[in-house]
């Protein structure tokens, strides 16, 4: 007897707005996409379940501006009031590349570094990239064009490639 096919799970909170040109590719493996109440997904945002078995869970009042791309990879979790400026990429996975004899495309994916976790009230600047293993504390700011792959403490401002602390938010 074969198992029943997995059904994608998409949960939209009350008042969620998704632009007609946004593209959401539902999971074929049964991963969840949860978008919290009052969130807005703008033009040409792409949400795609690839590169791992993680869910994408967004809190309330999250804003994904035009051109943002989220790959599920090893999972994405956003708190409430997360702001992604235009062109932000969230990529919580990495291709395997250990063999020169096998094309990278056929080597699968590296083990998870924990996905991407973003706390409440975080602003991620235009064209920033959040990689597998990124944890951003509440109230932090990521500068435009930054590449983040580790822990960013709460209320700090990080920028650069690779990202590093450049300032602290005032109390």
C-alpha atoms as a PDB file:
ATOM      1  CA  UNK A   1       0.000   0.000   0.000  1.00  0.00           C
ATOM      2  CA  UNK A   2       1.436   3.403  -0.934  1.00  0.00           C
ATOM      3  CA  UNK A   3       1.166   6.496   1.215  1.00  0.00           C
ATOM      4  CA  UNK A   4      -1.239   9.242   0.233  1.00  0.00           C
ATOM      5  CA  UNK A   5       0.437  12.161  -1.562  1.00  0.00           C
ATOM      6  CA  UNK A   6       1.384  15.074   0.663  1.00  0.00           C
ATOM      7  CA  UNK A   7      -0.727  18.174   0.291  1.00  0.00           C
ATOM      8  CA  UNK A   8       0.822  21.617   0.497  1.00  0.00           C
ATOM      9  CA  UNK A   9      -0.171  23.627   3.524  1.00  0.00           C
ATOM     10  CA  UNK A  10      -0.658  27.352   3.013  1.00  0.00           C
ATOM     11  CA  UNK A  11      -2.145  29.341   5.893  1.00  0.00           C
ATOM     12  CA  UNK A  12      -2.961  33.019   5.464  1.00  0.00           C
ATOM     13  CA  UNK A  13      -3.902  35.125   8.470  1.00  0.00           C
ATOM     14  CA  UNK A  14      -6.662  37.694   8.473  1.00  0.00           C
ATOM     15  CA  UNK A  15      -6.106  40.661   6.159  1.00  0.00           C
ATOM     16  CA  UNK A  16      -3.043  39.240   4.364  1.00  0.00           C
ATOM     17  CA  UNK A  17      -2.453  40.959   1.026  1.00  0.00           C
ATOM     18  CA  UNK A  18      -0.594  39.213  -1.787  1.00  0.00           C
ATOM     19  CA  UNK A  19       0.088  41.184  -4.983  1.00  0.00           C
ATOM     20  CA  UNK A  20      -1.157  39.552  -8.189  1.00  0.00           C
ATOM     21  CA  UNK A  21       2.406  39.411  -9.547  1.00  0.00           C
ATOM     22  CA  UNK A  22       3.823  37.649  -6.476  1.00  0.00           C
ATOM     23  CA  UNK A  23       4.592  33.974  -7.109  1.00  0.00           C
ATOM     24  CA  UNK A  24       4.168  31.339  -4.405  1.00  0.00           C
ATOM     25  CA  UNK A  25       5.268  27.840  -5.397  1.00  0.00           C
ATOM     26  CA  UNK A  26       3.598  25.527  -2.869  1.00  0.00           C
ATOM     27  CA  UNK A  27       5.582  22.662  -1.421  1.00  0.00           C
ATOM     28  CA  UNK A  28       5.303  19.252  -3.023  1.00  0.00           C
ATOM     29  CA  UNK A  29       6.612  17.648   0.207  1.00  0.00           C
ATOM     30  CA  UNK A  30       3.994  19.013   2.582  1.00  0.00           C
ATOM     31  CA  UNK A  31       6.035  21.866   4.065  1.00  0.00           C
ATOM     32  CA  UNK A  32       4.049  24.713   5.569  1.00  0.00           C
ATOM     33  CA  UNK A  33       3.789  28.323   4.461  1.00  0.00           C
ATOM     34  CA  UNK A  34       2.252  30.480   7.187  1.00  0.00           C
ATOM     35  CA  UNK A  35       1.769  34.213   6.644  1.00  0.00           C
ATOM     36  CA  UNK A  36       0.551  36.068   9.731  1.00  0.00           C
ATOM     37  CA  UNK A  37      -2.347  38.509   9.911  1.00  0.00           C
ATOM     38  CA  UNK A  38      -1.912  41.937   8.361  1.00  0.00           C
ATOM     39  CA  UNK A  39       1.184  40.926   6.375  1.00  0.00           C
ATOM     40  CA  UNK A  40       1.755  42.209   2.840  1.00  0.00           C
ATOM     41  CA  UNK A  41       3.539  40.469  -0.024  1.00  0.00           C
ATOM     42  CA  UNK A  42       4.291  42.962  -2.801  1.00  0.00           C
ATOM     43  CA  UNK A  43       4.976  42.729  -6.547  1.00  0.00           C
ATOM     44  CA  UNK A  44       7.352  40.128  -7.942  1.00  0.00           C
ATOM     45  CA  UNK A  45       8.046  38.463  -4.602  1.00  0.00           C
ATOM     46  CA  UNK A  46       8.938  34.779  -5.089  1.00  0.00           C
ATOM     47  CA  UNK A  47       8.404  32.175  -2.367  1.00  0.00           C
ATOM     48  CA  UNK A  48       9.681  28.733  -3.332  1.00  0.00           C
ATOM     49  CA  UNK A  49      10.016  25.424  -1.465  1.00  0.00           C
ATOM     50  CA  UNK A  50      13.410  24.042  -2.529  1.00  0.00           C
ATOM     51  CA  UNK A  51      16.729  22.941  -1.074  1.00  0.00           C
ATOM     52  CA  UNK A  52      15.548  21.317   2.131  1.00  0.00           C
ATOM     53  CA  UNK A  53      12.540  20.354   4.186  1.00  0.00           C
ATOM     54  CA  UNK A  54      11.931  23.534   6.182  1.00  0.00           C
ATOM     55  CA  UNK A  55       8.733  25.480   6.679  1.00  0.00           C
ATOM     56  CA  UNK A  56       8.317  29.202   6.061  1.00  0.00           C
ATOM     57  CA  UNK A  57       6.521  30.835   8.984  1.00  0.00           C
ATOM     58  CA  UNK A  58       5.970  34.598   9.121  1.00  0.00           C
ATOM     59  CA  UNK A  59       4.491  36.491  12.052  1.00  0.00           C
ATOM     60  CA  UNK A  60       1.982  39.316  11.959  1.00  0.00           C
ATOM     61  CA  UNK A  61       2.461  42.528   9.965  1.00  0.00           C
ATOM     62  CA  UNK A  62       5.460  41.367   7.943  1.00  0.00           C
ATOM     63  CA  UNK A  63       6.223  43.257   4.731  1.00  0.00           C
ATOM     64  CA  UNK A  64       8.034  41.748   1.747  1.00  0.00           C
ATOM     65  CA  UNK A  65       8.759  44.500  -0.761  1.00  0.00           C
ATOM     66  CA  UNK A  66       9.094  44.001  -4.532  1.00  0.00           C
ATOM     67  CA  UNK A  67      11.670  41.533  -5.769  1.00  0.00           C
ATOM     68  CA  UNK A  68      12.236  39.631  -2.511  1.00  0.00           C
ATOM     69  CA  UNK A  69      12.994  35.911  -2.878  1.00  0.00           C
ATOM     70  CA  UNK A  70      12.501  33.312  -0.121  1.00  0.00           C
ATOM     71  CA  UNK A  71      13.704  29.731  -0.607  1.00  0.00           C
ATOM     72  CA  UNK A  72      12.463  27.376   2.087  1.00  0.00           C
ATOM     73  CA  UNK A  73      15.714  25.419   2.415  1.00  0.00           C
ATOM     74  CA  UNK A  74      16.224  24.494   6.058  1.00  0.00           C
ATOM     75  CA  UNK A  75      13.405  26.753   7.207  1.00  0.00           C
ATOM     76  CA  UNK A  76      12.574  30.425   7.645  1.00  0.00           C
ATOM     77  CA  UNK A  77      10.939  31.946  10.743  1.00  0.00           C
ATOM     78  CA  UNK A  78      10.060  35.632  10.953  1.00  0.00           C
ATOM     79  CA  UNK A  79       8.732  37.293  14.078  1.00  0.00           C
ATOM     80  CA  UNK A  80       6.170  40.108  13.959  1.00  0.00           C
ATOM     81  CA  UNK A  81       6.756  43.405  12.138  1.00  0.00           C
ATOM     82  CA  UNK A  82       9.629  42.155   9.980  1.00  0.00           C
ATOM     83  CA  UNK A  83      10.380  44.511   7.086  1.00  0.00           C
ATOM     84  CA  UNK A  84      12.219  43.254   4.003  1.00  0.00           C
ATOM     85  CA  UNK A  85      13.248  46.049   1.626  1.00  0.00           C
ATOM     86  CA  UNK A  86      13.217  45.466  -2.150  1.00  0.00           C
ATOM     87  CA  UNK A  87      15.409  42.678  -3.471  1.00  0.00           C
ATOM     88  CA  UNK A  88      16.177  40.872  -0.194  1.00  0.00           C
ATOM     89  CA  UNK A  89      17.086  37.194  -0.661  1.00  0.00           C
ATOM     90  CA  UNK A  90      16.577  34.598   2.090  1.00  0.00           C
ATOM     91  CA  UNK A  91      18.463  31.413   1.212  1.00  0.00           C
ATOM     92  CA  UNK A  92      18.763  28.973   4.131  1.00  0.00           C
ATOM     93  CA  UNK A  93      20.521  26.175   2.235  1.00  0.00           C
ATOM     94  CA  UNK A  94      23.818  25.414   0.494  1.00  0.00           C
ATOM     95  CA  UNK A  95      24.665  23.058  -2.367  1.00  0.00           C
ATOM     96  CA  UNK A  96      27.053  20.210  -1.701  1.00  0.00           C
ATOM     97  CA  UNK A  97      30.273  20.463  -3.687  1.00  0.00           C
ATOM     98  CA  UNK A  98      32.605  17.811  -2.237  1.00  0.00           C
ATOM     99  CA  UNK A  99      33.259  15.934  -5.478  1.00  0.00           C
ATOM    100  CA  UNK A 100      34.953  17.300  -8.575  1.00  0.00           C
ATOM    101  CA  UNK A 101      33.688  14.264 -10.487  1.00  0.00           C
ATOM    102  CA  UNK A 102      29.989  14.990  -9.932  1.00  0.00           C
ATOM    103  CA  UNK A 103      28.316  18.192 -11.137  1.00  0.00           C
ATOM    104  CA  UNK A 104      27.409  20.404  -8.168  1.00  0.00           C
ATOM    105  CA  UNK A 105      23.780  20.266  -9.250  1.00  0.00           C
ATOM    106  CA  UNK A 106      23.763  16.495  -8.580  1.00  0.00           C
ATOM    107  CA  UNK A 107      25.468  16.574  -5.159  1.00  0.00           C
ATOM    108  CA  UNK A 108      22.428  17.477  -3.098  1.00  0.00           C
ATOM    109  CA  UNK A 109      22.556  19.925  -0.240  1.00  0.00           C
ATOM    110  CA  UNK A 110      24.827  20.514   2.746  1.00  0.00           C
ATOM    111  CA  UNK A 111      23.606  19.717   6.282  1.00  0.00           C
ATOM    112  CA  UNK A 112      21.462  22.410   7.868  1.00  0.00           C
ATOM    113  CA  UNK A 113      23.028  25.231   9.857  1.00  0.00           C
ATOM    114  CA  UNK A 114      19.643  25.971  11.434  1.00  0.00           C
ATOM    115  CA  UNK A 115      17.765  27.836   8.717  1.00  0.00           C
ATOM    116  CA  UNK A 116      17.034  31.563   9.064  1.00  0.00           C
ATOM    117  CA  UNK A 117      15.409  32.986  12.202  1.00  0.00           C
ATOM    118  CA  UNK A 118      14.465  36.681  12.392  1.00  0.00           C
ATOM    119  CA  UNK A 119      13.110  38.274  15.580  1.00  0.00           C
ATOM    120  CA  UNK A 120      10.369  40.896  15.964  1.00  0.00           C
ATOM    121  CA  UNK A 121      10.717  44.452  14.620  1.00  0.00           C
ATOM    122  CA  UNK A 122      13.654  43.764  12.271  1.00  0.00           C
ATOM    123  CA  UNK A 123      14.428  45.825   9.154  1.00  0.00           C
ATOM    124  CA  UNK A 124      16.474  44.199   6.396  1.00  0.00           C
ATOM    125  CA  UNK A 125      17.788  46.697   3.814  1.00  0.00           C
ATOM    126  CA  UNK A 126      17.570  46.469   0.028  1.00  0.00           C
ATOM    127  CA  UNK A 127      19.398  43.605  -1.681  1.00  0.00           C
ATOM    128  CA  UNK A 128      20.664  42.071   1.567  1.00  0.00           C
ATOM    129  CA  UNK A 129      21.156  38.283   1.638  1.00  0.00           C
ATOM    130  CA  UNK A 130      20.331  36.078   4.651  1.00  0.00           C
ATOM    131  CA  UNK A 131      22.048  32.674   4.487  1.00  0.00           C
ATOM    132  CA  UNK A 132      21.598  29.380   6.334  1.00  0.00           C
ATOM    133  CA  UNK A 133      22.486  29.777  10.015  1.00  0.00           C
ATOM    134  CA  UNK A 134      21.392  33.415  10.236  1.00  0.00           C
ATOM    135  CA  UNK A 135      19.742  34.492  13.508  1.00  0.00           C
ATOM    136  CA  UNK A 136      18.733  38.132  13.799  1.00  0.00           C
ATOM    137  CA  UNK A 137      17.710  39.441  17.210  1.00  0.00           C
ATOM    138  CA  UNK A 138      14.704  41.665  17.904  1.00  0.00           C
ATOM    139  CA  UNK A 139      14.961  45.261  16.758  1.00  0.00           C
ATOM    140  CA  UNK A 140      18.106  44.716  14.694  1.00  0.00           C
ATOM    141  CA  UNK A 141      18.781  46.396  11.353  1.00  0.00           C
ATOM    142  CA  UNK A 142      20.634  44.861   8.427  1.00  0.00           C
ATOM    143  CA  UNK A 143      22.113  47.416   6.002  1.00  0.00           C
ATOM    144  CA  UNK A 144      21.452  47.344   2.274  1.00  0.00           C
ATOM    145  CA  UNK A 145      23.619  44.857   0.391  1.00  0.00           C
ATOM    146  CA  UNK A 146      24.814  43.022   3.518  1.00  0.00           C
ATOM    147  CA  UNK A 147      25.428  39.273   3.494  1.00  0.00           C
ATOM    148  CA  UNK A 148      24.527  37.667   6.835  1.00  0.00           C
ATOM    149  CA  UNK A 149      25.361  34.090   7.841  1.00  0.00           C
ATOM    150  CA  UNK A 150      25.533  34.104  11.650  1.00  0.00           C
ATOM    151  CA  UNK A 151      24.083  35.644  14.797  1.00  0.00           C
ATOM    152  CA  UNK A 152      23.135  39.344  14.919  1.00  0.00           C
ATOM    153  CA  UNK A 153      22.324  40.485  18.478  1.00  0.00           C
ATOM    154  CA  UNK A 154      19.164  42.445  19.280  1.00  0.00           C
ATOM    155  CA  UNK A 155      19.153  46.168  18.473  1.00  0.00           C
ATOM    156  CA  UNK A 156      22.463  46.099  16.601  1.00  0.00           C
ATOM    157  CA  UNK A 157      22.991  47.478  13.098  1.00  0.00           C
ATOM    158  CA  UNK A 158      25.034  45.253  10.800  1.00  0.00           C
ATOM    159  CA  UNK A 159      26.316  45.791   7.268  1.00  0.00           C
ATOM    160  CA  UNK A 160      28.958  44.716   4.785  1.00  0.00           C
ATOM    161  CA  UNK A 161      30.145  41.541   3.114  1.00  0.00           C
ATOM    162  CA  UNK A 162      30.435  39.550   5.258  1.00  0.00           C
ATOM    163  CA  UNK A 163      28.153  41.446   7.609  1.00  0.00           C
ATOM    164  CA  UNK A 164      29.623  42.851  10.831  1.00  0.00           C
ATOM    165  CA  UNK A 165      28.432  45.223  13.547  1.00  0.00           C
ATOM    166  CA  UNK A 166      28.566  48.852  12.463  1.00  0.00           C
ATOM    167  CA  UNK A 167      26.418  50.490  15.159  1.00  0.00           C
ATOM    168  CA  UNK A 168      23.855  50.033  17.908  1.00  0.00           C
ATOM    169  CA  UNK A 169      20.322  51.401  18.027  1.00  0.00           C
ATOM    170  CA  UNK A 170      19.821  54.029  20.716  1.00  0.00           C
ATOM    171  CA  UNK A 171      17.537  53.270  23.642  1.00  0.00           C
END
